[in-house]
Amino acid sequence: MPVYEQLTEKIKELIVHNVLKSDEQLPSVRELALELTVNPNTIQKAYRELERQGYIYSIPGKGSFVTPKEKIDNSRRREELMEQLKKVIAELLYLGVPAEEIRETVEKTRKGGKGT
């Protein structure tokens, strides 16, 4: 997986699990690039993708911030994820994972666990 995608997924995970709070400022592109020792263009690409998906917003001259949950228009993303989830569940069932185990994993994840 490309570095910018790894970074995008990690930041989304931090937002989803409330490690990064609504309206919290993210590190600048330069700061994060230095900290992670990656090209600033990689950070910028990840930030652009997060903004496209609605997880963050930018204020010119100020930086990037976490979008409050109530302001995210997530209908399209929800549909995409539900389709992915259906495919994953179908494959798990095909591989012999009991439906009850899938339900338990969903419940653990909902309660903040890792789901495994």
N, C-alpha and C. Protein backbone atom coordinates (compact mmCIF):
# COMPACT_ATOMS: atom_id res chain seq x y z
N MET A 1 0.85 -1.17 0.00
CA MET A 1 0.00 0.00 0.00
C MET A 1 0.90 1.25 0.00
N PRO A 2 0.62 2.21 -0.87
CA PRO A 2 1.44 3.42 -0.90
C PRO A 2 1.42 4.15 0.44
N VAL A 3 2.50 4.86 0.72
CA VAL A 3 2.65 5.56 2.00
C VAL A 3 1.51 6.55 2.24
N TYR A 4 1.11 7.30 1.20
CA TYR A 4 0.04 8.28 1.42
C TYR A 4 -1.26 7.59 1.81
N GLU A 5 -1.53 6.38 1.27
CA GLU A 5 -2.74 5.64 1.64
C GLU A 5 -2.63 5.14 3.08
N GLN A 6 -1.45 4.68 3.47
CA GLN A 6 -1.25 4.24 4.85
C GLN A 6 -1.50 5.40 5.81
N LEU A 7 -0.96 6.55 5.46
CA LEU A 7 -1.13 7.74 6.28
C LEU A 7 -2.60 8.16 6.34
N THR A 8 -3.27 8.15 5.20
CA THR A 8 -4.70 8.48 5.15
C THR A 8 -5.50 7.56 6.06
N GLU A 9 -5.25 6.27 5.97
CA GLU A 9 -5.99 5.30 6.79
C GLU A 9 -5.70 5.49 8.28
N LYS A 10 -4.45 5.76 8.62
CA LYS A 10 -4.09 5.94 10.03
C LYS A 10 -4.76 7.19 10.61
N ILE A 11 -4.75 8.28 9.85
CA ILE A 11 -5.40 9.51 10.34
C ILE A 11 -6.90 9.30 10.46
N LYS A 12 -7.51 8.61 9.49
CA LYS A 12 -8.95 8.31 9.60
C LYS A 12 -9.23 7.49 10.85
N GLU A 13 -8.37 6.51 11.11
CA GLU A 13 -8.54 5.68 12.31
C GLU A 13 -8.48 6.54 13.58
N LEU A 14 -7.54 7.47 13.62
CA LEU A 14 -7.42 8.36 14.79
C LEU A 14 -8.65 9.25 14.93
N ILE A 15 -9.23 9.68 13.82
CA ILE A 15 -10.43 10.51 13.86
C ILE A 15 -11.62 9.67 14.31
N VAL A 16 -11.78 8.49 13.72
CA VAL A 16 -12.91 7.62 14.04
C VAL A 16 -12.91 7.21 15.51
N HIS A 17 -11.72 6.98 16.08
CA HIS A 17 -11.62 6.56 17.47
C HIS A 17 -11.46 7.74 18.43
N ASN A 18 -11.75 8.95 17.94
CA ASN A 18 -11.73 10.17 18.76
C ASN A 18 -10.39 10.50 19.39
N VAL A 19 -9.31 9.99 18.83
CA VAL A 19 -7.99 10.39 19.28
C VAL A 19 -7.75 11.82 18.80
N LEU A 20 -8.17 12.07 17.55
CA LEU A 20 -8.18 13.43 17.01
C LEU A 20 -9.62 13.93 17.11
N LYS A 21 -9.81 15.03 17.80
CA LYS A 21 -11.15 15.56 18.08
C LYS A 21 -11.62 16.55 17.02
N SER A 22 -12.91 16.79 17.00
CA SER A 22 -13.51 17.76 16.09
C SER A 22 -12.81 19.11 16.20
N ASP A 23 -12.54 19.70 15.06
CA ASP A 23 -11.89 21.00 14.93
C ASP A 23 -10.46 21.05 15.46
N GLU A 24 -9.88 19.90 15.80
CA GLU A 24 -8.49 19.86 16.24
C GLU A 24 -7.58 20.08 15.04
N GLN A 25 -6.54 20.86 15.23
CA GLN A 25 -5.61 21.13 14.14
C GLN A 25 -4.65 19.98 13.96
N LEU A 26 -4.45 19.59 12.71
CA LEU A 26 -3.47 18.56 12.39
C LEU A 26 -2.09 19.20 12.28
N PRO A 27 -1.04 18.40 12.42
CA PRO A 27 0.30 18.97 12.24
C PRO A 27 0.44 19.52 10.82
N SER A 28 1.28 20.52 10.66
CA SER A 28 1.51 21.07 9.32
C SER A 28 2.15 19.99 8.46
N VAL A 29 2.06 20.18 7.15
CA VAL A 29 2.66 19.24 6.20
C VAL A 29 4.16 19.10 6.49
N ARG A 30 4.82 20.23 6.68
CA ARG A 30 6.27 20.19 6.95
C ARG A 30 6.60 19.47 8.24
N GLU A 31 5.86 19.80 9.29
CA GLU A 31 6.07 19.15 10.60
C GLU A 31 5.96 17.64 10.49
N LEU A 32 4.85 17.19 9.90
CA LEU A 32 4.59 15.76 9.82
C LEU A 32 5.60 15.07 8.91
N ALA A 33 5.99 15.74 7.82
CA ALA A 33 6.99 15.17 6.92
C ALA A 33 8.32 14.96 7.64
N LEU A 34 8.72 15.94 8.45
CA LEU A 34 9.95 15.80 9.22
C LEU A 34 9.83 14.70 10.26
N GLU A 35 8.71 14.68 10.96
CA GLU A 35 8.50 13.70 12.02
C GLU A 35 8.50 12.27 11.47
N LEU A 36 7.86 12.08 10.31
CA LEU A 36 7.74 10.74 9.73
C LEU A 36 8.84 10.43 8.72
N THR A 37 9.69 11.40 8.46
CA THR A 37 10.75 11.30 7.45
C THR A 37 10.22 10.81 6.11
N VAL A 38 9.17 11.50 5.64
CA VAL A 38 8.63 11.23 4.30
C VAL A 38 8.57 12.54 3.53
N ASN A 39 8.42 12.43 2.26
CA ASN A 39 8.35 13.60 1.39
C ASN A 39 7.10 14.43 1.73
N PRO A 40 7.22 15.74 1.83
CA PRO A 40 6.06 16.59 2.11
C PRO A 40 4.92 16.40 1.09
N ASN A 41 5.28 16.07 -0.16
CA ASN A 41 4.23 15.82 -1.16
C ASN A 41 3.35 14.64 -0.77
N THR A 42 3.93 13.66 -0.09
CA THR A 42 3.18 12.49 0.37
C THR A 42 2.16 12.91 1.42
N ILE A 43 2.59 13.75 2.35
CA ILE A 43 1.68 14.25 3.39
C ILE A 43 0.58 15.08 2.75
N GLN A 44 0.96 15.95 1.82
CA GLN A 44 -0.01 16.80 1.14
C GLN A 44 -1.05 15.96 0.40
N LYS A 45 -0.62 14.89 -0.23
CA LYS A 45 -1.53 14.00 -0.96
C LYS A 45 -2.51 13.33 0.01
N ALA A 46 -2.01 12.89 1.15
CA ALA A 46 -2.88 12.27 2.16
C ALA A 46 -3.89 13.29 2.68
N TYR A 47 -3.44 14.49 2.97
CA TYR A 47 -4.35 15.53 3.46
C TYR A 47 -5.42 15.87 2.42
N ARG A 48 -5.01 15.94 1.14
CA ARG A 48 -5.99 16.22 0.07
C ARG A 48 -7.04 15.12 0.01
N GLU A 49 -6.60 13.86 0.15
CA GLU A 49 -7.54 12.74 0.11
C GLU A 49 -8.49 12.77 1.31
N LEU A 50 -7.95 13.07 2.48
CA LEU A 50 -8.80 13.18 3.67
C LEU A 50 -9.81 14.31 3.52
N GLU A 51 -9.39 15.40 2.91
CA GLU A 51 -10.30 16.52 2.68
C GLU A 51 -11.36 16.13 1.66
N ARG A 52 -10.97 15.44 0.62
CA ARG A 52 -11.92 14.98 -0.40
C ARG A 52 -12.98 14.09 0.21
N GLN A 53 -12.55 13.24 1.15
CA GLN A 53 -13.48 12.32 1.81
C GLN A 53 -14.28 13.00 2.92
N GLY A 54 -13.92 14.23 3.26
CA GLY A 54 -14.68 14.98 4.25
C GLY A 54 -14.21 14.83 5.68
N TYR A 55 -13.10 14.15 5.92
CA TYR A 55 -12.62 13.95 7.28
C TYR A 55 -11.92 15.17 7.84
N ILE A 56 -11.33 15.99 6.96
CA ILE A 56 -10.66 17.20 7.42
C ILE A 56 -11.07 18.37 6.52
N TYR A 57 -10.80 19.56 6.99
CA TYR A 57 -11.00 20.76 6.19
C TYR A 57 -9.79 21.65 6.37
N SER A 58 -9.56 22.53 5.40
CA SER A 58 -8.39 23.42 5.45
C SER A 58 -8.83 24.86 5.52
N ILE A 59 -8.05 25.65 6.24
CA ILE A 59 -8.22 27.09 6.27
C ILE A 59 -6.90 27.67 5.76
N PRO A 60 -6.94 28.34 4.60
CA PRO A 60 -5.70 28.88 4.05
C PRO A 60 -4.93 29.74 5.06
N GLY A 61 -3.66 29.45 5.19
CA GLY A 61 -2.81 30.19 6.11
C GLY A 61 -2.88 29.71 7.55
N LYS A 62 -3.84 28.85 7.86
CA LYS A 62 -4.01 28.36 9.23
C LYS A 62 -3.67 26.88 9.37
N GLY A 63 -4.05 26.08 8.36
CA GLY A 63 -3.76 24.66 8.42
C GLY A 63 -4.96 23.79 8.17
N SER A 64 -4.83 22.52 8.54
CA SER A 64 -5.88 21.52 8.36
C SER A 64 -6.44 21.12 9.71
N PHE A 65 -7.76 20.88 9.73
CA PHE A 65 -8.48 20.60 10.97
C PHE A 65 -9.43 19.42 10.76
N VAL A 66 -9.75 18.73 11.86
CA VAL A 66 -10.68 17.61 11.82
C VAL A 66 -12.11 18.15 11.67
N THR A 67 -12.82 17.63 10.70
CA THR A 67 -14.21 18.03 10.47
C THR A 67 -15.09 17.44 11.57
N PRO A 68 -15.94 18.25 12.20
CA PRO A 68 -16.88 17.71 13.19
C PRO A 68 -17.79 16.67 12.53
N LYS A 69 -18.07 15.59 13.24
CA LYS A 69 -18.88 14.50 12.70
C LYS A 69 -20.20 14.98 12.11
N GLU A 70 -20.84 15.90 12.80
CA GLU A 70 -22.16 16.35 12.35
C GLU A 70 -22.11 17.14 11.04
N LYS A 71 -20.93 17.56 10.61
CA LYS A 71 -20.80 18.33 9.37
C LYS A 71 -20.35 17.48 8.19
N ILE A 72 -20.08 16.22 8.43
CA ILE A 72 -19.59 15.35 7.35
C ILE A 72 -20.78 14.84 6.54
N ASP A 73 -20.75 15.08 5.23
CA ASP A 73 -21.75 14.50 4.33
C ASP A 73 -21.20 13.14 3.93
N ASN A 74 -21.69 12.13 4.60
CA ASN A 74 -21.09 10.82 4.42
C ASN A 74 -21.97 9.82 3.69
N SER A 75 -23.03 10.27 3.06
CA SER A 75 -23.97 9.33 2.43
C SER A 75 -23.30 8.47 1.36
N ARG A 76 -22.50 9.10 0.48
CA ARG A 76 -21.85 8.33 -0.57
C ARG A 76 -20.83 7.36 0.02
N ARG A 77 -20.04 7.83 0.98
CA ARG A 77 -19.02 6.98 1.61
C ARG A 77 -19.67 5.83 2.37
N ARG A 78 -20.80 6.11 3.02
CA ARG A 78 -21.51 5.04 3.74
C ARG A 78 -21.95 3.95 2.79
N GLU A 79 -22.49 4.35 1.63
CA GLU A 79 -22.93 3.36 0.63
C GLU A 79 -21.75 2.51 0.16
N GLU A 80 -20.62 3.16 -0.11
CA GLU A 80 -19.42 2.43 -0.55
C GLU A 80 -18.98 1.42 0.51
N LEU A 81 -18.93 1.87 1.76
CA LEU A 81 -18.48 1.00 2.84
C LEU A 81 -19.46 -0.14 3.09
N MET A 82 -20.75 0.13 2.97
CA MET A 82 -21.75 -0.93 3.16
C MET A 82 -21.59 -2.00 2.08
N GLU A 83 -21.32 -1.59 0.85
CA GLU A 83 -21.09 -2.56 -0.22
C GLU A 83 -19.84 -3.39 0.07
N GLN A 84 -18.78 -2.74 0.53
CA GLN A 84 -17.55 -3.47 0.89
C GLN A 84 -17.84 -4.45 2.03
N LEU A 85 -18.60 -3.98 3.02
CA LEU A 85 -18.92 -4.84 4.16
C LEU A 85 -19.71 -6.07 3.73
N LYS A 86 -20.67 -5.88 2.84
CA LYS A 86 -21.47 -7.02 2.34
C LYS A 86 -20.57 -8.05 1.67
N LYS A 87 -19.60 -7.57 0.87
CA LYS A 87 -18.68 -8.48 0.20
C LYS A 87 -17.82 -9.24 1.20
N VAL A 88 -17.32 -8.52 2.21
CA VAL A 88 -16.48 -9.15 3.23
C VAL A 88 -17.29 -10.18 4.02
N ILE A 89 -18.50 -9.83 4.41
CA ILE A 89 -19.34 -10.77 5.16
C ILE A 89 -19.63 -12.01 4.33
N ALA A 90 -19.96 -11.82 3.06
CA ALA A 90 -20.24 -12.96 2.18
C ALA A 90 -19.02 -13.88 2.09
N GLU A 91 -17.84 -13.28 1.97
CA GLU A 91 -16.62 -14.10 1.88
C GLU A 91 -16.35 -14.82 3.20
N LEU A 92 -16.55 -14.12 4.32
CA LEU A 92 -16.35 -14.77 5.63
C LEU A 92 -17.29 -15.95 5.80
N LEU A 93 -18.55 -15.77 5.41
CA LEU A 93 -19.51 -16.87 5.51
C LEU A 93 -19.10 -18.03 4.61
N TYR A 94 -18.64 -17.71 3.41
CA TYR A 94 -18.18 -18.73 2.48
C TYR A 94 -17.01 -19.51 3.06
N LEU A 95 -16.13 -18.81 3.80
CA LEU A 95 -14.96 -19.45 4.39
C LEU A 95 -15.29 -20.21 5.68
N GLY A 96 -16.56 -20.18 6.05
CA GLY A 96 -16.99 -20.97 7.20
C GLY A 96 -17.01 -20.25 8.53
N VAL A 97 -16.84 -18.93 8.53
CA VAL A 97 -16.92 -18.19 9.79
C VAL A 97 -18.39 -18.11 10.18
N PRO A 98 -18.72 -18.55 11.39
CA PRO A 98 -20.12 -18.52 11.82
C PRO A 98 -20.67 -17.09 11.91
N ALA A 99 -21.93 -16.94 11.54
CA ALA A 99 -22.58 -15.62 11.58
C ALA A 99 -22.49 -15.01 12.97
N GLU A 100 -22.58 -15.83 14.01
CA GLU A 100 -22.51 -15.32 15.38
C GLU A 100 -21.14 -14.70 15.66
N GLU A 101 -20.08 -15.28 15.13
CA GLU A 101 -18.74 -14.72 15.31
C GLU A 101 -18.62 -13.36 14.61
N ILE A 102 -19.24 -13.26 13.45
CA ILE A 102 -19.24 -11.98 12.73
C ILE A 102 -20.00 -10.93 13.54
N ARG A 103 -21.16 -11.31 14.08
CA ARG A 103 -21.94 -10.39 14.93
C ARG A 103 -21.15 -9.95 16.15
N GLU A 104 -20.46 -10.89 16.79
CA GLU A 104 -19.64 -10.56 17.97
C GLU A 104 -18.53 -9.57 17.60
N THR A 105 -17.92 -9.77 16.45
CA THR A 105 -16.86 -8.87 15.99
C THR A 105 -17.41 -7.47 15.75
N VAL A 106 -18.58 -7.41 15.13
CA VAL A 106 -19.22 -6.10 14.90
C VAL A 106 -19.51 -5.43 16.24
N GLU A 107 -20.03 -6.18 17.19
CA GLU A 107 -20.37 -5.61 18.50
C GLU A 107 -19.12 -5.14 19.24
N LYS A 108 -18.05 -5.92 19.22
CA LYS A 108 -16.79 -5.51 19.86
C LYS A 108 -16.26 -4.23 19.23
N THR A 109 -16.33 -4.17 17.91
CA THR A 109 -15.86 -2.99 17.19
C THR A 109 -16.71 -1.78 17.56
N ARG A 110 -18.01 -1.96 17.64
CA ARG A 110 -18.93 -0.87 18.00
C ARG A 110 -18.61 -0.34 19.39
N LYS A 111 -18.20 -1.22 20.27
CA LYS A 111 -17.89 -0.82 21.66
C LYS A 111 -16.48 -0.28 21.82
N GLY A 112 -15.75 -0.20 20.70
CA GLY A 112 -14.41 0.40 20.77
C GLY A 112 -13.27 -0.57 20.79
N GLY A 113 -13.56 -1.86 20.69
CA GLY A 113 -12.48 -2.85 20.65
C GLY A 113 -11.95 -2.99 19.25
N LYS A 114 -10.97 -3.84 19.11
CA LYS A 114 -10.37 -4.08 17.79
C LYS A 114 -11.20 -5.03 16.95
N GLY A 115 -12.14 -5.72 17.56
CA GLY A 115 -13.00 -6.60 16.80
C GLY A 115 -12.45 -7.98 16.56
N THR A 116 -11.31 -8.29 17.14
CA THR A 116 -10.75 -9.62 16.97
C THR A 116 -10.45 -10.25 18.28
